[in-house]
Amino acid sequence: MFYVYILYSPSLDKFYIGHTKNLEDTLKRHNTHRSGFRKFTKRASDWKLVYFEIFKDKIKAIKREKEIKRKKSRSYIEKLISDKIMIK
């Protein structure tokens, strides 16, 4: 299984969108600034998982991640979060 996830940092009041195979490890790595993660998430240590979608294959997860990012809309992200978890 693969996941598209949205993290939220209260201190930055920002969202981060990504994809992964391991949600738990990915969240830990974002919050501890381990190598391999973007500069953007290194700006805070209070990232919280606020949304995720489950996919059977990596290609579908990557396509969905890009679809969400292309929207460039905070209101779209907030609507996804309010609708909660979707399984694909």
N, C-alpha and C. Protein backbone atom coordinates (compact mmCIF):
# COMPACT_ATOMS: atom_id res chain seq x y z
N MET A 1 0.83 -1.18 0.00
CA MET A 1 0.00 0.00 0.00
C MET A 1 0.89 1.26 0.00
N PHE A 2 0.37 2.29 -0.62
CA PHE A 2 1.04 3.59 -0.65
C PHE A 2 0.06 4.64 -0.18
N TYR A 3 0.59 5.71 0.34
CA TYR A 3 -0.23 6.76 0.93
C TYR A 3 0.12 8.12 0.34
N VAL A 4 -0.91 8.92 0.13
CA VAL A 4 -0.74 10.35 -0.10
C VAL A 4 -1.14 10.98 1.22
N TYR A 5 -0.30 11.86 1.74
CA TYR A 5 -0.57 12.41 3.06
C TYR A 5 -0.48 13.93 3.05
N ILE A 6 -1.15 14.51 4.03
CA ILE A 6 -1.05 15.95 4.25
C ILE A 6 -0.65 16.15 5.71
N LEU A 7 0.42 16.90 5.89
CA LEU A 7 0.88 17.28 7.22
C LEU A 7 0.53 18.74 7.45
N TYR A 8 0.38 19.08 8.72
CA TYR A 8 0.12 20.47 9.09
C TYR A 8 1.04 20.86 10.23
N SER A 9 1.62 22.05 10.12
CA SER A 9 2.47 22.59 11.18
C SER A 9 1.76 23.79 11.81
N PRO A 10 1.32 23.67 13.06
CA PRO A 10 0.68 24.82 13.72
C PRO A 10 1.61 26.03 13.84
N SER A 11 2.90 25.79 14.08
CA SER A 11 3.81 26.93 14.26
C SER A 11 4.01 27.72 12.96
N LEU A 12 3.97 27.04 11.83
CA LEU A 12 4.11 27.70 10.53
C LEU A 12 2.76 28.04 9.91
N ASP A 13 1.70 27.38 10.39
CA ASP A 13 0.37 27.47 9.79
C ASP A 13 0.44 27.12 8.30
N LYS A 14 1.13 26.01 8.02
CA LYS A 14 1.35 25.55 6.64
C LYS A 14 1.03 24.07 6.52
N PHE A 15 0.69 23.66 5.30
CA PHE A 15 0.46 22.26 4.96
C PHE A 15 1.61 21.76 4.11
N TYR A 16 1.85 20.45 4.19
CA TYR A 16 2.83 19.79 3.33
C TYR A 16 2.17 18.54 2.77
N ILE A 17 2.31 18.31 1.47
CA ILE A 17 1.70 17.17 0.81
C ILE A 17 2.81 16.27 0.28
N GLY A 18 2.67 14.96 0.50
CA GLY A 18 3.66 14.02 0.01
C GLY A 18 3.06 12.64 -0.20
N HIS A 19 3.92 11.69 -0.59
CA HIS A 19 3.49 10.30 -0.70
C HIS A 19 4.55 9.42 -0.06
N THR A 20 4.12 8.26 0.42
CA THR A 20 5.04 7.35 1.12
C THR A 20 4.47 5.94 1.16
N LYS A 21 5.31 5.03 1.53
CA LYS A 21 4.88 3.65 1.78
C LYS A 21 4.69 3.42 3.28
N ASN A 22 5.29 4.27 4.11
CA ASN A 22 5.25 4.08 5.56
C ASN A 22 4.91 5.41 6.24
N LEU A 23 3.66 5.60 6.59
CA LEU A 23 3.22 6.88 7.18
C LEU A 23 3.92 7.18 8.50
N GLU A 24 3.99 6.21 9.37
CA GLU A 24 4.57 6.43 10.70
C GLU A 24 6.02 6.88 10.62
N ASP A 25 6.81 6.16 9.85
CA ASP A 25 8.23 6.51 9.70
C ASP A 25 8.40 7.87 9.02
N THR A 26 7.58 8.13 8.01
CA THR A 26 7.68 9.40 7.30
C THR A 26 7.40 10.58 8.22
N LEU A 27 6.37 10.47 9.05
CA LEU A 27 6.06 11.55 9.98
C LEU A 27 7.22 11.77 10.97
N LYS A 28 7.77 10.69 11.49
CA LYS A 28 8.92 10.80 12.40
C LYS A 28 10.09 11.50 11.71
N ARG A 29 10.34 11.12 10.45
CA ARG A 29 11.47 11.70 9.72
C ARG A 29 11.26 13.20 9.45
N HIS A 30 10.03 13.59 9.14
CA HIS A 30 9.76 15.01 8.93
C HIS A 30 10.00 15.80 10.22
N ASN A 31 9.61 15.25 11.35
CA ASN A 31 9.73 15.97 12.62
C ASN A 31 11.11 15.93 13.23
N THR A 32 11.95 15.00 12.79
CA THR A 32 13.32 14.93 13.32
C THR A 32 14.34 15.40 12.30
N HIS A 33 13.86 15.88 11.15
CA HIS A 33 14.72 16.48 10.12
C HIS A 33 15.78 15.51 9.59
N ARG A 34 15.43 14.24 9.50
CA ARG A 34 16.39 13.28 8.94
C ARG A 34 16.62 13.55 7.47
N SER A 35 17.74 13.10 6.99
CA SER A 35 18.11 13.35 5.59
C SER A 35 17.07 12.78 4.64
N GLY A 36 17.01 13.36 3.47
CA GLY A 36 16.08 12.90 2.47
C GLY A 36 14.78 13.68 2.45
N PHE A 37 14.59 14.58 3.40
CA PHE A 37 13.36 15.37 3.42
C PHE A 37 13.65 16.81 3.07
N ARG A 38 12.66 17.43 2.52
CA ARG A 38 12.79 18.76 1.95
C ARG A 38 13.09 19.83 2.99
N LYS A 39 13.72 20.90 2.52
CA LYS A 39 14.01 22.05 3.37
C LYS A 39 12.74 22.60 4.01
N PHE A 40 11.65 22.56 3.26
CA PHE A 40 10.39 23.15 3.74
C PHE A 40 9.99 22.57 5.09
N THR A 41 10.03 21.24 5.24
CA THR A 41 9.58 20.64 6.50
C THR A 41 10.62 20.77 7.61
N LYS A 42 11.85 21.11 7.26
CA LYS A 42 12.88 21.30 8.28
C LYS A 42 12.65 22.58 9.07
N ARG A 43 11.77 23.44 8.59
CA ARG A 43 11.50 24.71 9.26
C ARG A 43 10.70 24.54 10.55
N ALA A 44 10.15 23.33 10.80
CA ALA A 44 9.35 23.10 12.00
C ALA A 44 9.53 21.67 12.47
N SER A 45 9.15 21.42 13.73
CA SER A 45 9.22 20.07 14.30
C SER A 45 7.88 19.65 14.86
N ASP A 46 6.83 20.36 14.48
CA ASP A 46 5.51 20.06 15.04
C ASP A 46 4.51 19.58 13.98
N TRP A 47 5.02 18.89 12.94
CA TRP A 47 4.14 18.40 11.87
C TRP A 47 3.21 17.33 12.41
N LYS A 48 1.93 17.46 12.03
CA LYS A 48 0.91 16.49 12.42
C LYS A 48 0.26 15.93 11.17
N LEU A 49 0.01 14.65 11.18
CA LEU A 49 -0.69 14.02 10.07
C LEU A 49 -2.17 14.39 10.19
N VAL A 50 -2.69 15.10 9.18
CA VAL A 50 -4.08 15.54 9.25
C VAL A 50 -4.96 14.87 8.20
N TYR A 51 -4.34 14.17 7.24
CA TYR A 51 -5.12 13.55 6.17
C TYR A 51 -4.26 12.55 5.43
N PHE A 52 -4.89 11.46 4.98
CA PHE A 52 -4.20 10.56 4.07
C PHE A 52 -5.20 9.79 3.23
N GLU A 53 -4.72 9.34 2.07
CA GLU A 53 -5.46 8.48 1.17
C GLU A 53 -4.60 7.25 0.92
N ILE A 54 -5.24 6.11 0.74
CA ILE A 54 -4.53 4.85 0.55
C ILE A 54 -4.67 4.41 -0.92
N PHE A 55 -3.55 3.95 -1.49
CA PHE A 55 -3.52 3.49 -2.87
C PHE A 55 -2.85 2.13 -2.94
N LYS A 56 -3.26 1.34 -3.90
CA LYS A 56 -2.67 0.00 -4.07
C LYS A 56 -1.32 0.05 -4.77
N ASP A 57 -1.07 1.10 -5.55
CA ASP A 57 0.23 1.18 -6.22
C ASP A 57 0.80 2.59 -6.18
N LYS A 58 2.12 2.64 -6.32
CA LYS A 58 2.86 3.89 -6.18
C LYS A 58 2.50 4.91 -7.26
N ILE A 59 2.31 4.46 -8.48
CA ILE A 59 2.01 5.38 -9.59
C ILE A 59 0.73 6.16 -9.33
N LYS A 60 -0.31 5.47 -8.83
CA LYS A 60 -1.57 6.16 -8.52
C LYS A 60 -1.38 7.16 -7.39
N ALA A 61 -0.58 6.80 -6.41
CA ALA A 61 -0.32 7.71 -5.28
C ALA A 61 0.40 8.97 -5.77
N ILE A 62 1.39 8.81 -6.61
CA ILE A 62 2.15 9.95 -7.13
C ILE A 62 1.24 10.86 -7.96
N LYS A 63 0.39 10.25 -8.79
CA LYS A 63 -0.55 11.04 -9.59
C LYS A 63 -1.48 11.85 -8.71
N ARG A 64 -1.97 11.24 -7.64
CA ARG A 64 -2.88 11.95 -6.73
C ARG A 64 -2.15 13.07 -5.99
N GLU A 65 -0.94 12.81 -5.55
CA GLU A 65 -0.15 13.85 -4.88
C GLU A 65 -0.01 15.07 -5.80
N LYS A 66 0.35 14.82 -7.05
CA LYS A 66 0.52 15.91 -8.01
C LYS A 66 -0.80 16.64 -8.26
N GLU A 67 -1.90 15.88 -8.30
CA GLU A 67 -3.21 16.49 -8.50
C GLU A 67 -3.55 17.47 -7.37
N ILE A 68 -3.30 17.06 -6.15
CA ILE A 68 -3.56 17.94 -5.00
C ILE A 68 -2.65 19.16 -5.05
N LYS A 69 -1.38 18.97 -5.34
CA LYS A 69 -0.43 20.08 -5.39
C LYS A 69 -0.76 21.07 -6.51
N ARG A 70 -1.24 20.56 -7.64
CA ARG A 70 -1.60 21.44 -8.76
C ARG A 70 -2.74 22.41 -8.42
N LYS A 71 -3.59 22.01 -7.50
CA LYS A 71 -4.72 22.87 -7.10
C LYS A 71 -4.22 24.17 -6.47
N LYS A 72 -3.08 24.10 -5.77
CA LYS A 72 -2.50 25.27 -5.09
C LYS A 72 -3.56 26.04 -4.32
N SER A 73 -4.37 25.29 -3.58
CA SER A 73 -5.50 25.91 -2.90
C SER A 73 -5.59 25.42 -1.45
N ARG A 74 -5.42 26.33 -0.53
CA ARG A 74 -5.57 26.00 0.88
C ARG A 74 -6.99 25.53 1.18
N SER A 75 -7.98 26.19 0.55
CA SER A 75 -9.38 25.81 0.80
C SER A 75 -9.65 24.39 0.31
N TYR A 76 -9.04 23.98 -0.80
CA TYR A 76 -9.21 22.61 -1.29
C TYR A 76 -8.62 21.62 -0.28
N ILE A 77 -7.44 21.92 0.23
CA ILE A 77 -6.80 21.06 1.22
C ILE A 77 -7.65 20.98 2.49
N GLU A 78 -8.14 22.10 2.95
CA GLU A 78 -8.97 22.11 4.15
C GLU A 78 -10.26 21.31 3.94
N LYS A 79 -10.82 21.34 2.73
CA LYS A 79 -12.01 20.53 2.44
C LYS A 79 -11.68 19.05 2.49
N LEU A 80 -10.54 18.66 1.90
CA LEU A 80 -10.12 17.26 1.97
C LEU A 80 -10.02 16.80 3.42
N ILE A 81 -9.40 17.61 4.23
CA ILE A 81 -9.21 17.26 5.64
C ILE A 81 -10.55 17.12 6.36
N SER A 82 -11.47 18.03 6.05
CA SER A 82 -12.78 17.97 6.72
C SER A 82 -13.58 16.74 6.27
N ASP A 83 -13.32 16.24 5.05
CA ASP A 83 -14.00 15.05 4.56
C ASP A 83 -13.36 13.76 5.09
N LYS A 84 -12.19 13.88 5.71
CA LYS A 84 -11.44 12.79 6.33
C LYS A 84 -10.80 11.83 5.35
N ILE A 85 -10.63 10.57 5.78
CA ILE A 85 -9.83 9.59 5.05
C ILE A 85 -10.63 8.98 3.89
N MET A 86 -9.96 8.90 2.75
CA MET A 86 -10.54 8.24 1.58
C MET A 86 -9.68 7.04 1.21
N ILE A 87 -10.31 5.95 0.83
CA ILE A 87 -9.56 4.77 0.40
C ILE A 87 -9.74 4.63 -1.10
N LYS A 88 -8.64 4.51 -1.84
CA LYS A 88 -8.66 4.40 -3.32
C LYS A 88 -8.34 2.99 -3.73
